[in-house]
Amino acid sequence: MSNKVLGLIGFPLTHSFSAKYFAEKFSKEGIEGYKYQNFEIPTIEDFKAVIKNNPDLVGLNVTIPYKEKVIPFLDELDDEAKEIGAVNTIKIIRKNGTVKLKGYNTDIYGFRETLKPLLQQHQYKAFILGTGGAAKAVEYVLKKIGLDVLYVSRNPSSKKEIAYTDLNEFAVQDFSVIVNSTPLGMFPKVDVCPEIPYQFLTDKNLLYDLIYNPGETLFMKKGKEQGANTQNGLGMLKLQAEKAWEIWNQ
């Protein structure tokens, strides 16, 4: 009896959390009949071959840079993934020789559940640093909770985006929640961080970094030095993984 295969697509996948997480989960919970593997694909065009050449594949996670690019290859999206235009989980349904691919976004669940306990009453405006696929899930959650949101981008291209150079004392105190959705500060380049005016942060700020390796990024460290509350992306990652597992086994 062959194993059901789960996996991760992205590029590069040198520091993937998912494979290790699921291997430990299967071992700890005595789950048999599954294996999890990485599919490092240099271009999204290689996605079709992954599906075709792995007949036991029943589910995929999707990471940088394919959360948006994978959508045209899917047959169906769940409502939230459709609304935000980003997918991080795919369910593969094989029946009578046909293959159906449905996309979901479990980042939404992971981010929402880890953010809610941290929010304070005065925090009703948020900056999102970066504008990639992960940022879309963050924006969706923040708006649903009722926060005003602005993106901070190196090249602002719409009314809901401002430049890093626009950030000043007033801005970072008014928009007291700041979420880093960029890869800046991620292992191995741990000595970099987004260019925001850290000196103006206070204990009224919450800095949430989607990065989980290292456990404390330079972005978080600099915030903490000013008294800000900080959170990394590990809890979010674990919750989104559990939600994906739930979807694959529905």
Protein backbone atom coordinates (compact mmCIF):
# COMPACT_ATOMS: atom_id res chain seq x y z
CA MET A 1 0.00 0.00 0.00
CA SER A 2 1.59 3.27 -1.07
CA ASN A 3 1.66 6.27 1.20
CA LYS A 4 -0.55 9.27 0.58
CA VAL A 5 1.79 12.11 -0.25
CA LEU A 6 1.52 15.67 1.04
CA GLY A 7 3.99 18.34 0.04
CA LEU A 8 5.13 21.90 -0.33
CA ILE A 9 5.78 23.91 -3.49
CA GLY A 10 7.93 27.02 -3.49
CA PHE A 11 11.38 28.31 -4.41
CA PRO A 12 13.79 28.11 -2.73
CA LEU A 13 12.81 25.61 -0.01
CA THR A 14 16.06 25.41 1.95
CA HIS A 15 14.44 26.49 5.22
CA SER A 16 11.04 24.87 4.99
CA PHE A 17 9.08 24.52 8.21
CA SER A 18 6.36 22.24 6.86
CA ALA A 19 8.29 19.03 6.12
CA LYS A 20 9.78 18.94 9.63
CA TYR A 21 6.48 19.91 11.25
CA PHE A 22 4.48 17.17 9.55
CA ALA A 23 7.16 14.50 10.04
CA GLU A 24 7.07 15.27 13.79
CA LYS A 25 3.26 15.35 13.78
CA PHE A 26 2.99 11.94 12.09
CA SER A 27 5.48 10.43 14.52
CA LYS A 28 4.04 12.03 17.67
CA GLU A 29 0.40 11.27 16.85
CA GLY A 30 1.06 7.82 15.39
CA ILE A 31 -0.33 8.81 11.98
CA GLU A 32 0.46 6.18 9.37
CA GLY A 33 0.03 6.05 5.60
CA TYR A 34 1.27 9.58 4.91
CA LYS A 35 4.54 11.14 3.92
CA TYR A 36 5.40 14.81 3.39
CA GLN A 37 7.95 16.05 0.89
CA ASN A 38 9.24 19.27 -0.63
CA PHE A 39 8.78 20.06 -4.33
CA GLU A 40 11.19 22.87 -5.08
CA ILE A 41 10.09 24.28 -8.44
CA PRO A 42 12.10 27.08 -10.12
CA THR A 43 9.03 28.23 -12.08
CA ILE A 44 5.27 27.89 -11.58
CA GLU A 45 5.09 26.16 -14.98
CA ASP A 46 6.66 23.13 -13.25
CA PHE A 47 3.57 22.81 -11.06
CA LYS A 48 1.71 20.70 -13.65
CA ALA A 49 4.52 18.13 -13.69
CA VAL A 50 4.40 17.85 -9.87
CA ILE A 51 0.69 16.94 -10.05
CA LYS A 52 1.12 14.62 -13.03
CA ASN A 53 4.21 12.75 -11.82
CA ASN A 54 2.98 12.14 -8.26
CA PRO A 55 -0.24 10.11 -8.45
CA ASP A 56 -0.30 9.62 -4.65
CA LEU A 57 -0.24 13.37 -3.98
CA VAL A 58 -3.38 14.43 -2.09
CA GLY A 59 -2.48 17.87 -0.76
CA LEU A 60 0.01 20.71 -1.07
CA ASN A 61 1.11 23.74 0.88
CA VAL A 62 2.21 26.74 -1.18
CA THR A 63 4.89 29.21 -0.16
CA ILE A 64 6.91 32.09 -1.65
CA PRO A 65 6.74 33.02 -4.52
CA TYR A 66 3.69 31.04 -5.71
CA LYS A 67 0.75 31.97 -3.44
CA GLU A 68 -0.76 34.12 -6.19
CA LYS A 69 0.85 32.55 -9.27
CA VAL A 70 -0.64 29.10 -8.61
CA ILE A 71 -4.25 30.30 -8.85
CA PRO A 72 -4.67 29.99 -12.66
CA PHE A 73 -3.70 26.29 -12.37
CA LEU A 74 -6.52 25.49 -9.92
CA ASP A 75 -10.07 24.35 -10.70
CA GLU A 76 -11.75 25.98 -7.74
CA LEU A 77 -11.07 28.37 -4.83
CA ASP A 78 -12.80 28.51 -1.49
CA ASP A 79 -14.50 31.85 -0.73
CA GLU A 80 -11.75 33.40 1.38
CA ALA A 81 -8.95 32.43 -1.01
CA LYS A 82 -11.02 33.87 -3.87
CA GLU A 83 -11.63 37.12 -2.01
CA ILE A 84 -7.98 37.77 -1.18
CA GLY A 85 -6.42 36.28 -4.32
CA ALA A 86 -3.81 34.13 -2.56
CA VAL A 87 -3.61 30.40 -1.85
CA ASN A 88 -1.36 28.52 0.56
CA THR A 89 -3.14 25.14 0.67
CA ILE A 90 -4.35 22.91 -2.17
CA LYS A 91 -6.58 19.87 -1.86
CA ILE A 92 -6.11 17.34 -4.66
CA ILE A 93 -9.19 15.24 -5.40
CA ARG A 94 -8.61 12.26 -7.69
CA LYS A 95 -11.67 10.40 -8.99
CA ASN A 96 -12.05 7.98 -11.90
CA GLY A 97 -8.94 9.26 -13.66
CA THR A 98 -9.78 12.95 -13.19
CA VAL A 99 -7.90 15.39 -10.98
CA LYS A 100 -9.54 18.39 -9.32
CA LEU A 101 -7.50 21.03 -7.51
CA LYS A 102 -9.12 23.30 -4.92
CA GLY A 103 -7.28 26.22 -3.31
CA TYR A 104 -7.63 27.52 0.24
CA ASN A 105 -5.91 30.09 2.42
CA THR A 106 -5.15 28.86 5.94
CA ASP A 107 -2.83 31.83 6.63
CA ILE A 108 -6.05 33.72 7.41
CA TYR A 109 -6.93 31.37 10.25
CA GLY A 110 -3.36 31.22 11.59
CA PHE A 111 -2.90 34.97 11.60
CA ARG A 112 -6.33 35.78 13.03
CA GLU A 113 -6.11 33.35 15.94
CA THR A 114 -2.62 34.48 16.98
CA LEU A 115 -3.32 38.21 16.54
CA LYS A 116 -6.62 38.51 18.41
CA PRO A 117 -5.24 37.90 21.94
CA LEU A 118 -2.56 40.57 21.38
CA LEU A 119 -4.75 43.45 20.22
CA GLN A 120 -5.53 46.25 22.64
CA GLN A 121 -8.42 48.71 22.54
CA HIS A 122 -6.35 51.66 21.30
CA GLN A 123 -5.00 49.63 18.37
CA TYR A 124 -7.30 50.25 15.43
CA LYS A 125 -4.87 51.15 12.63
CA ALA A 126 -2.22 48.95 11.06
CA PHE A 127 0.68 49.17 8.64
CA ILE A 128 1.55 46.10 6.55
CA LEU A 129 5.16 46.09 5.41
CA GLY A 130 5.34 44.44 1.98
CA THR A 131 2.65 43.61 -0.58
CA GLY A 132 3.13 39.91 -1.46
CA GLY A 133 0.78 36.93 -1.11
CA ALA A 134 1.10 36.68 2.68
CA ALA A 135 0.25 40.38 3.02
CA LYS A 136 -3.14 39.73 1.43
CA ALA A 137 -4.17 37.32 4.20
CA VAL A 138 -2.96 39.84 6.79
CA GLU A 139 -4.98 42.68 5.22
CA TYR A 140 -8.09 40.49 5.03
CA VAL A 141 -7.90 39.61 8.75
CA LEU A 142 -7.10 43.14 9.93
CA LYS A 143 -10.03 44.60 7.99
CA LYS A 144 -12.43 41.88 9.18
CA ILE A 145 -11.44 42.66 12.78
CA GLY A 146 -12.13 46.32 12.06
CA LEU A 147 -8.70 47.93 11.69
CA ASP A 148 -7.80 50.58 9.12
CA VAL A 149 -4.96 49.30 6.95
CA LEU A 150 -2.22 50.89 4.86
CA TYR A 151 0.53 49.08 2.99
CA VAL A 152 4.12 50.30 3.19
CA SER A 153 5.98 49.55 -0.02
CA ARG A 154 9.30 50.40 -1.65
CA ASN A 155 7.36 51.35 -4.78
CA PRO A 156 3.85 52.51 -3.80
CA SER A 157 1.47 51.97 -6.71
CA SER A 158 -1.99 52.66 -5.28
CA LYS A 159 -3.88 54.84 -2.81
CA LYS A 160 -3.65 52.19 -0.11
CA GLU A 161 0.15 52.17 -0.25
CA ILE A 162 2.72 54.60 1.13
CA ALA A 163 6.52 54.66 0.94
CA TYR A 164 8.92 53.81 3.76
CA THR A 165 10.13 57.42 3.55
CA ASP A 166 6.61 58.57 4.53
CA LEU A 167 6.94 56.94 7.95
CA ASN A 168 7.53 59.43 10.74
CA GLU A 169 6.86 59.74 14.47
CA PHE A 170 3.18 60.57 13.97
CA ALA A 171 2.62 57.73 11.50
CA VAL A 172 4.05 54.90 13.61
CA GLN A 173 2.22 56.11 16.71
CA ASP A 174 -1.08 56.54 14.88
CA PHE A 175 -0.81 53.17 13.10
CA SER A 176 0.16 51.31 16.24
CA VAL A 177 0.06 47.78 14.76
CA ILE A 178 2.91 47.06 12.33
CA VAL A 179 3.05 43.70 10.53
CA ASN A 180 6.17 42.64 8.64
CA SER A 181 5.19 40.44 5.69
CA THR A 182 8.55 40.89 3.91
CA PRO A 183 11.37 38.31 4.13
CA LEU A 184 13.72 40.97 5.58
CA GLY A 185 15.52 39.55 8.61
CA MET A 186 14.86 35.91 7.80
CA PHE A 187 17.63 33.35 8.36
CA PRO A 188 20.40 33.46 7.19
CA LYS A 189 20.27 37.25 6.66
CA VAL A 190 19.36 37.99 10.28
CA ASP A 191 21.16 41.34 10.53
CA VAL A 192 18.68 43.25 8.33
CA CYS A 193 15.22 44.64 9.06
CA PRO A 194 12.56 46.82 7.40
CA GLU A 195 13.51 50.50 7.39
CA ILE A 196 11.00 52.06 9.76
CA PRO A 197 11.72 54.79 12.36
CA TYR A 198 12.08 52.44 15.34
CA GLN A 199 13.12 55.31 17.63
CA PHE A 200 9.53 56.61 17.63
CA LEU A 201 7.90 53.34 18.71
CA THR A 202 6.42 53.12 22.22
CA ASP A 203 4.73 50.56 24.48
CA LYS A 204 1.51 51.35 22.57
CA ASN A 205 2.86 49.57 19.46
CA LEU A 206 2.47 45.93 18.47
CA LEU A 207 5.08 44.56 16.03
CA TYR A 208 4.07 41.26 14.42
CA ASP A 209 6.65 39.54 12.21
CA LEU A 210 5.46 36.72 9.92
CA ILE A 211 9.04 35.36 10.00
CA TYR A 212 9.63 32.45 12.39
CA ASN A 213 13.36 31.84 11.86
CA PRO A 214 15.04 33.37 13.82
CA GLY A 215 12.55 33.33 16.71
CA GLU A 216 13.34 36.98 17.40
CA THR A 217 14.11 39.07 14.32
CA LEU A 218 15.96 42.38 14.33
CA PHE A 219 12.58 44.04 13.58
CA MET A 220 11.20 42.54 16.81
CA LYS A 221 14.36 43.32 18.84
CA LYS A 222 14.32 46.97 17.85
CA GLY A 223 10.63 47.21 18.71
CA LYS A 224 11.13 45.55 22.07
CA GLU A 225 13.90 48.04 22.92
CA GLN A 226 11.26 50.80 22.64
CA GLY A 227 8.79 48.91 24.82
CA ALA A 228 6.64 47.57 21.97
CA ASN A 229 4.86 44.22 22.22
CA THR A 230 6.25 41.73 19.66
CA GLN A 231 5.20 38.44 18.09
CA ASN A 232 6.85 36.12 15.57
CA GLY A 233 5.19 33.93 12.94
CA LEU A 234 5.67 30.50 14.52
CA GLY A 235 2.24 30.24 16.16
CA MET A 236 0.57 31.36 12.94
CA LEU A 237 2.54 28.77 10.97
CA LYS A 238 1.56 25.92 13.28
CA LEU A 239 -2.12 26.86 13.20
CA GLN A 240 -2.20 27.22 9.42
CA ALA A 241 -0.53 23.80 9.11
CA GLU A 242 -3.15 22.18 11.37
CA LYS A 243 -5.92 23.86 9.39
CA ALA A 244 -4.41 22.52 6.14
CA TRP A 245 -4.31 19.00 7.63
CA GLU A 246 -8.00 19.36 8.50
CA ILE A 247 -8.82 20.40 4.90
CA TRP A 248 -6.87 17.50 3.37
CA ASN A 249 -8.74 15.05 5.61
CA GLN A 250 -12.26 16.43 5.22
